[in-house]
N, C-alpha and C. Protein backbone atom coordinates (compact mmCIF):
# COMPACT_ATOMS: atom_id res chain seq x y z
N MET A 1 4.25 44.09 10.09
CA MET A 1 5.22 44.30 11.16
C MET A 1 6.48 44.92 10.55
N GLN A 2 7.03 45.92 11.21
CA GLN A 2 8.21 46.61 10.71
C GLN A 2 9.48 45.78 10.97
N LEU A 3 10.47 45.99 10.13
CA LEU A 3 11.71 45.22 10.23
C LEU A 3 12.40 45.36 11.58
N GLU A 4 12.39 46.57 12.14
CA GLU A 4 13.04 46.76 13.45
C GLU A 4 12.30 46.01 14.55
N THR A 5 10.99 45.94 14.46
CA THR A 5 10.19 45.18 15.42
C THR A 5 10.49 43.70 15.30
N ILE A 6 10.56 43.21 14.06
CA ILE A 6 10.89 41.81 13.83
C ILE A 6 12.27 41.51 14.41
N LYS A 7 13.22 42.37 14.13
CA LYS A 7 14.59 42.17 14.61
C LYS A 7 14.63 42.09 16.13
N ALA A 8 13.93 42.98 16.80
CA ALA A 8 13.91 42.97 18.28
C ALA A 8 13.27 41.69 18.81
N ARG A 9 12.21 41.23 18.16
CA ARG A 9 11.53 40.02 18.62
C ARG A 9 12.37 38.77 18.37
N VAL A 10 13.14 38.75 17.27
CA VAL A 10 14.02 37.61 17.00
C VAL A 10 15.03 37.43 18.12
N LEU A 11 15.52 38.54 18.64
CA LEU A 11 16.55 38.51 19.69
C LEU A 11 15.98 38.24 21.08
N ASP A 12 14.67 38.22 21.22
CA ASP A 12 14.01 37.95 22.50
C ASP A 12 14.12 36.46 22.80
N ARG A 13 14.89 36.13 23.81
CA ARG A 13 15.14 34.72 24.15
C ARG A 13 13.93 33.99 24.71
N SER A 14 12.88 34.72 25.05
CA SER A 14 11.72 34.08 25.67
C SER A 14 10.73 33.49 24.65
N ILE A 15 10.93 33.77 23.36
CA ILE A 15 9.98 33.25 22.38
C ILE A 15 10.34 31.81 21.99
N GLN A 16 9.34 31.06 21.58
CA GLN A 16 9.53 29.68 21.17
C GLN A 16 10.31 29.63 19.85
N TRP A 17 11.00 28.52 19.62
CA TRP A 17 11.83 28.39 18.41
C TRP A 17 11.01 28.55 17.13
N TYR A 18 9.78 28.04 17.13
CA TYR A 18 8.97 28.11 15.91
C TYR A 18 8.50 29.54 15.63
N ASN A 19 8.34 30.35 16.67
CA ASN A 19 8.02 31.77 16.46
C ASN A 19 9.25 32.51 15.92
N ARG A 20 10.42 32.15 16.45
CA ARG A 20 11.67 32.75 15.96
C ARG A 20 11.87 32.37 14.49
N ALA A 21 11.60 31.13 14.15
CA ALA A 21 11.74 30.69 12.75
C ALA A 21 10.84 31.52 11.84
N HIS A 22 9.62 31.75 12.26
CA HIS A 22 8.68 32.54 11.46
C HIS A 22 9.17 33.98 11.31
N LEU A 23 9.66 34.56 12.39
CA LEU A 23 10.15 35.94 12.33
C LEU A 23 11.37 36.08 11.43
N ILE A 24 12.30 35.13 11.52
CA ILE A 24 13.49 35.18 10.67
C ILE A 24 13.08 35.02 9.21
N TYR A 25 12.12 34.14 8.96
CA TYR A 25 11.60 33.97 7.61
C TYR A 25 10.96 35.27 7.09
N LEU A 26 10.16 35.91 7.95
CA LEU A 26 9.54 37.18 7.56
C LEU A 26 10.60 38.23 7.22
N TYR A 27 11.56 38.38 8.11
CA TYR A 27 12.61 39.38 7.92
C TYR A 27 13.35 39.12 6.61
N HIS A 28 13.77 37.87 6.43
CA HIS A 28 14.53 37.51 5.23
C HIS A 28 13.69 37.73 3.97
N SER A 29 12.45 37.33 4.00
CA SER A 29 11.57 37.47 2.83
C SER A 29 11.32 38.93 2.46
N VAL A 30 11.08 39.75 3.46
CA VAL A 30 10.83 41.18 3.20
C VAL A 30 12.07 41.83 2.60
N ARG A 31 13.21 41.55 3.20
CA ARG A 31 14.45 42.16 2.69
C ARG A 31 14.79 41.64 1.29
N ALA A 32 14.57 40.35 1.05
CA ALA A 32 14.88 39.77 -0.26
C ALA A 32 13.96 40.33 -1.35
N ALA A 33 12.77 40.76 -0.97
CA ALA A 33 11.81 41.30 -1.94
C ALA A 33 12.05 42.76 -2.27
N GLN A 34 12.87 43.44 -1.46
CA GLN A 34 13.13 44.86 -1.70
C GLN A 34 14.12 45.04 -2.86
N PRO A 35 13.91 46.06 -3.66
CA PRO A 35 14.87 46.31 -4.74
C PRO A 35 16.19 46.83 -4.16
N LEU A 36 17.23 46.08 -4.36
CA LEU A 36 18.56 46.43 -3.85
C LEU A 36 19.56 46.36 -4.99
N PRO A 37 20.73 46.95 -4.82
CA PRO A 37 21.74 46.86 -5.88
C PRO A 37 22.18 45.41 -6.15
N ARG A 38 22.00 44.54 -5.16
CA ARG A 38 22.34 43.13 -5.34
C ARG A 38 21.34 42.27 -4.58
N LYS A 39 21.36 40.99 -4.84
CA LYS A 39 20.42 40.06 -4.21
C LYS A 39 20.69 39.96 -2.70
N TRP A 40 19.62 39.98 -1.90
CA TRP A 40 19.72 39.80 -0.45
C TRP A 40 19.93 38.32 -0.16
N THR A 41 20.88 38.00 0.70
CA THR A 41 21.23 36.60 0.97
C THR A 41 21.01 36.25 2.44
N MET A 42 21.12 34.96 2.72
CA MET A 42 21.05 34.51 4.12
C MET A 42 22.18 35.13 4.94
N ARG A 43 23.33 35.33 4.30
CA ARG A 43 24.45 35.97 5.01
C ARG A 43 24.09 37.39 5.42
N ASP A 44 23.37 38.11 4.55
CA ASP A 44 22.92 39.46 4.87
C ASP A 44 21.96 39.43 6.06
N THR A 45 21.05 38.47 6.05
CA THR A 45 20.10 38.32 7.16
C THR A 45 20.85 38.01 8.45
N SER A 46 21.84 37.13 8.35
CA SER A 46 22.65 36.78 9.51
C SER A 46 23.32 38.01 10.11
N LYS A 47 23.94 38.81 9.27
CA LYS A 47 24.63 40.03 9.75
C LYS A 47 23.63 41.03 10.33
N ALA A 48 22.50 41.20 9.65
CA ALA A 48 21.51 42.19 10.09
C ALA A 48 20.90 41.82 11.44
N LEU A 49 20.69 40.52 11.67
CA LEU A 49 20.06 40.08 12.93
C LEU A 49 21.07 39.75 14.01
N GLY A 50 22.34 39.67 13.65
CA GLY A 50 23.37 39.36 14.64
C GLY A 50 23.34 37.91 15.09
N ILE A 51 22.95 37.02 14.19
CA ILE A 51 22.96 35.58 14.50
C ILE A 51 23.77 34.87 13.43
N SER A 52 24.20 33.67 13.72
CA SER A 52 25.08 32.96 12.79
C SER A 52 24.35 32.59 11.50
N LEU A 53 25.14 32.44 10.46
CA LEU A 53 24.62 32.02 9.16
C LEU A 53 23.96 30.64 9.28
N GLY A 54 24.59 29.75 10.04
CA GLY A 54 24.03 28.42 10.25
C GLY A 54 22.67 28.47 10.92
N SER A 55 22.51 29.36 11.87
CA SER A 55 21.21 29.50 12.54
C SER A 55 20.15 30.01 11.58
N VAL A 56 20.51 30.99 10.76
CA VAL A 56 19.55 31.51 9.78
C VAL A 56 19.13 30.37 8.85
N HIS A 57 20.09 29.62 8.37
CA HIS A 57 19.79 28.50 7.48
C HIS A 57 18.85 27.51 8.16
N ASN A 58 19.16 27.13 9.41
CA ASN A 58 18.32 26.17 10.13
C ASN A 58 16.91 26.70 10.35
N TYR A 59 16.79 27.94 10.76
CA TYR A 59 15.46 28.51 11.01
C TYR A 59 14.64 28.63 9.73
N LEU A 60 15.28 29.01 8.63
CA LEU A 60 14.55 29.10 7.36
C LEU A 60 14.10 27.71 6.91
N ARG A 61 14.96 26.73 7.09
CA ARG A 61 14.62 25.35 6.76
C ARG A 61 13.46 24.85 7.62
N LEU A 62 13.52 25.16 8.90
CA LEU A 62 12.45 24.73 9.81
C LEU A 62 11.12 25.42 9.48
N GLN A 63 11.17 26.68 9.09
CA GLN A 63 9.93 27.38 8.73
C GLN A 63 9.27 26.70 7.54
N GLU A 64 10.05 26.31 6.56
CA GLU A 64 9.49 25.58 5.42
C GLU A 64 8.88 24.26 5.86
N ALA A 65 9.56 23.56 6.76
CA ALA A 65 9.05 22.28 7.26
C ALA A 65 7.77 22.48 8.06
N LEU A 66 7.71 23.56 8.84
CA LEU A 66 6.51 23.86 9.64
C LEU A 66 5.30 24.14 8.76
N GLU A 67 5.53 24.77 7.63
CA GLU A 67 4.41 25.04 6.72
C GLU A 67 3.82 23.74 6.19
N ALA A 68 4.67 22.75 6.00
CA ALA A 68 4.21 21.45 5.52
C ALA A 68 3.67 20.58 6.65
N ASN A 69 4.23 20.75 7.85
CA ASN A 69 3.86 19.91 8.98
C ASN A 69 3.86 20.71 10.29
N PRO A 70 2.74 21.37 10.62
CA PRO A 70 2.66 22.18 11.84
C PRO A 70 2.87 21.38 13.14
N GLU A 71 2.75 20.07 13.06
CA GLU A 71 2.96 19.23 14.25
C GLU A 71 4.40 19.31 14.77
N LEU A 72 5.31 19.80 13.96
CA LEU A 72 6.70 19.94 14.40
C LEU A 72 6.83 20.86 15.60
N LYS A 73 5.84 21.73 15.79
CA LYS A 73 5.88 22.66 16.94
C LYS A 73 5.93 21.91 18.26
N LYS A 74 5.46 20.67 18.26
CA LYS A 74 5.45 19.87 19.49
C LYS A 74 6.83 19.36 19.86
N LEU A 75 7.76 19.42 18.92
CA LEU A 75 9.11 18.91 19.15
C LEU A 75 10.03 20.01 19.65
N SER A 76 11.13 19.59 20.24
CA SER A 76 12.16 20.56 20.61
C SER A 76 12.84 21.04 19.33
N PHE A 77 13.56 22.12 19.44
CA PHE A 77 14.29 22.68 18.29
C PHE A 77 15.20 21.63 17.68
N ARG A 78 15.99 20.96 18.50
CA ARG A 78 16.95 19.97 18.01
C ARG A 78 16.26 18.79 17.34
N LYS A 79 15.18 18.33 17.93
CA LYS A 79 14.47 17.19 17.34
C LYS A 79 13.80 17.59 16.03
N ALA A 80 13.28 18.81 15.97
CA ALA A 80 12.65 19.29 14.73
C ALA A 80 13.69 19.36 13.60
N LEU A 81 14.95 19.65 13.97
CA LEU A 81 16.02 19.68 12.99
C LEU A 81 16.48 18.28 12.58
N GLY A 82 16.02 17.28 13.33
CA GLY A 82 16.41 15.91 13.04
C GLY A 82 17.67 15.49 13.77
N LYS A 83 18.01 16.23 14.82
CA LYS A 83 19.20 15.89 15.63
C LYS A 83 18.76 15.19 16.89
N LYS A 84 19.65 14.38 17.43
CA LYS A 84 19.33 13.64 18.65
C LYS A 84 19.46 14.50 19.87
């Protein structure tokens, strides 16, 4: 999937949180793997996707948790993050 396609899908409000987490993870991973003059950071992903740094952090964290426990998909975004 191309980066522009991923970016457009991340901004689509109709997708589930776990799909958005996967897309943000893909975008961040692809950009971080590219040879750049400096290391690609979560802040760079935040700016490129137009979402907050905190959101990028949360989605990347959730993607890691989903890989270990796919059952998290059954929870709401807030509950999956461990918030009430």
